[in-house]
Amino acid sequence: MREIQLRDAKATLSAVIDRAKQGSPSLITRHGRPEAVLLSFAEWQRLSQVPSFGRLLMAAPVEPDDLSPHPGGLRDAAL
């Protein structure tokens, strides 16, 4: 990922966008600190469709017995 200062990104915005469309996102910094990432719209759409871990867990086919404690109680952790 290419790192570019905000003032340079402003001056060359068209080129920065063209690079993002070609698959090369840019990290935009201000005073040396990361502030934003410019990536293509297609890449943003792809990333926004990835479900969160919480949503994956909520969609899992879990039965009530799956979450009950082990019938034998806690196991001895003999190390």
Protein backbone atom coordinates (compact mmCIF):
# COMPACT_ATOMS: atom_id res chain seq x y z
CA MET A 1 0.00 0.00 0.00
CA ARG A 2 1.37 3.36 -1.00
CA GLU A 3 1.63 6.02 1.71
CA ILE A 4 0.93 9.58 0.62
CA GLN A 5 0.66 12.86 2.51
CA LEU A 6 -2.70 14.60 2.42
CA ARG A 7 -1.41 17.67 0.59
CA ASP A 8 0.13 15.43 -2.11
CA ALA A 9 -3.08 13.40 -2.36
CA LYS A 10 -5.04 16.61 -2.92
CA ALA A 11 -2.63 17.76 -5.62
CA THR A 12 -2.69 14.41 -7.46
CA LEU A 13 -6.17 13.14 -6.57
CA SER A 14 -6.95 11.91 -10.08
CA ALA A 15 -3.77 9.79 -10.17
CA VAL A 16 -4.41 8.45 -6.64
CA ILE A 17 -7.91 7.39 -7.71
CA ASP A 18 -6.58 5.79 -10.89
CA ARG A 19 -4.10 3.73 -8.83
CA ALA A 20 -6.90 2.65 -6.49
CA LYS A 21 -9.01 1.53 -9.45
CA GLN A 22 -6.05 -0.57 -10.64
CA GLY A 23 -5.92 -2.33 -7.26
CA SER A 24 -3.34 -0.24 -5.43
CA PRO A 25 -4.93 1.52 -2.44
CA SER A 26 -3.26 4.52 -0.80
CA LEU A 27 -2.78 5.28 2.87
CA ILE A 28 -3.31 9.01 3.36
CA THR A 29 -1.40 10.60 6.21
CA ARG A 30 -1.65 13.97 7.92
CA HIS A 31 1.36 15.20 9.89
CA GLY A 32 2.83 11.70 9.60
CA ARG A 33 -0.21 9.95 11.15
CA PRO A 34 -2.45 7.58 9.18
CA GLU A 35 -5.84 9.23 8.58
CA ALA A 36 -7.59 7.41 5.72
CA VAL A 37 -7.28 4.74 3.07
CA LEU A 38 -8.40 5.32 -0.51
CA LEU A 39 -9.42 2.15 -2.32
CA SER A 40 -11.55 1.36 -5.34
CA PHE A 41 -15.32 1.26 -5.05
CA ALA A 42 -15.31 -2.38 -6.17
CA GLU A 43 -12.87 -3.30 -3.37
CA TRP A 44 -14.95 -1.38 -0.82
CA GLN A 45 -18.09 -3.25 -1.95
CA ARG A 46 -16.30 -6.59 -1.64
CA LEU A 47 -15.06 -5.79 1.85
CA SER A 48 -18.40 -4.44 3.03
CA GLN A 49 -20.10 -7.76 2.18
CA VAL A 50 -17.91 -9.80 4.55
CA PRO A 51 -20.05 -10.76 7.55
CA SER A 52 -18.75 -9.94 11.01
CA PHE A 53 -17.69 -12.74 13.35
CA GLY A 54 -20.71 -11.96 15.54
CA ARG A 55 -23.10 -12.38 12.61
CA LEU A 56 -21.47 -15.69 11.70
CA LEU A 57 -21.94 -16.91 15.27
CA MET A 58 -25.58 -15.77 15.32
CA ALA A 59 -26.24 -17.68 12.08
CA ALA A 60 -24.61 -20.91 13.32
CA PRO A 61 -26.98 -23.88 13.73
CA VAL A 62 -26.60 -24.29 17.49
CA GLU A 63 -28.87 -26.53 19.55
CA PRO A 64 -29.54 -25.76 23.25
CA ASP A 65 -27.64 -28.91 24.29
CA ASP A 66 -24.57 -27.67 22.40
CA LEU A 67 -24.08 -24.92 24.98
CA SER A 68 -24.62 -26.96 28.15
CA PRO A 69 -21.66 -27.79 30.41
CA HIS A 70 -19.82 -31.07 30.02
CA PRO A 71 -21.85 -33.83 31.77
CA GLY A 72 -18.83 -35.06 33.74
CA GLY A 73 -18.06 -31.62 35.14
CA LEU A 74 -14.68 -29.96 34.83
CA ARG A 75 -11.81 -32.10 33.66
CA ASP A 76 -8.62 -32.37 35.65
CA ALA A 77 -5.84 -30.53 33.87
CA ALA A 78 -2.95 -32.79 34.79
CA LEU A 79 0.09 -31.08 33.39
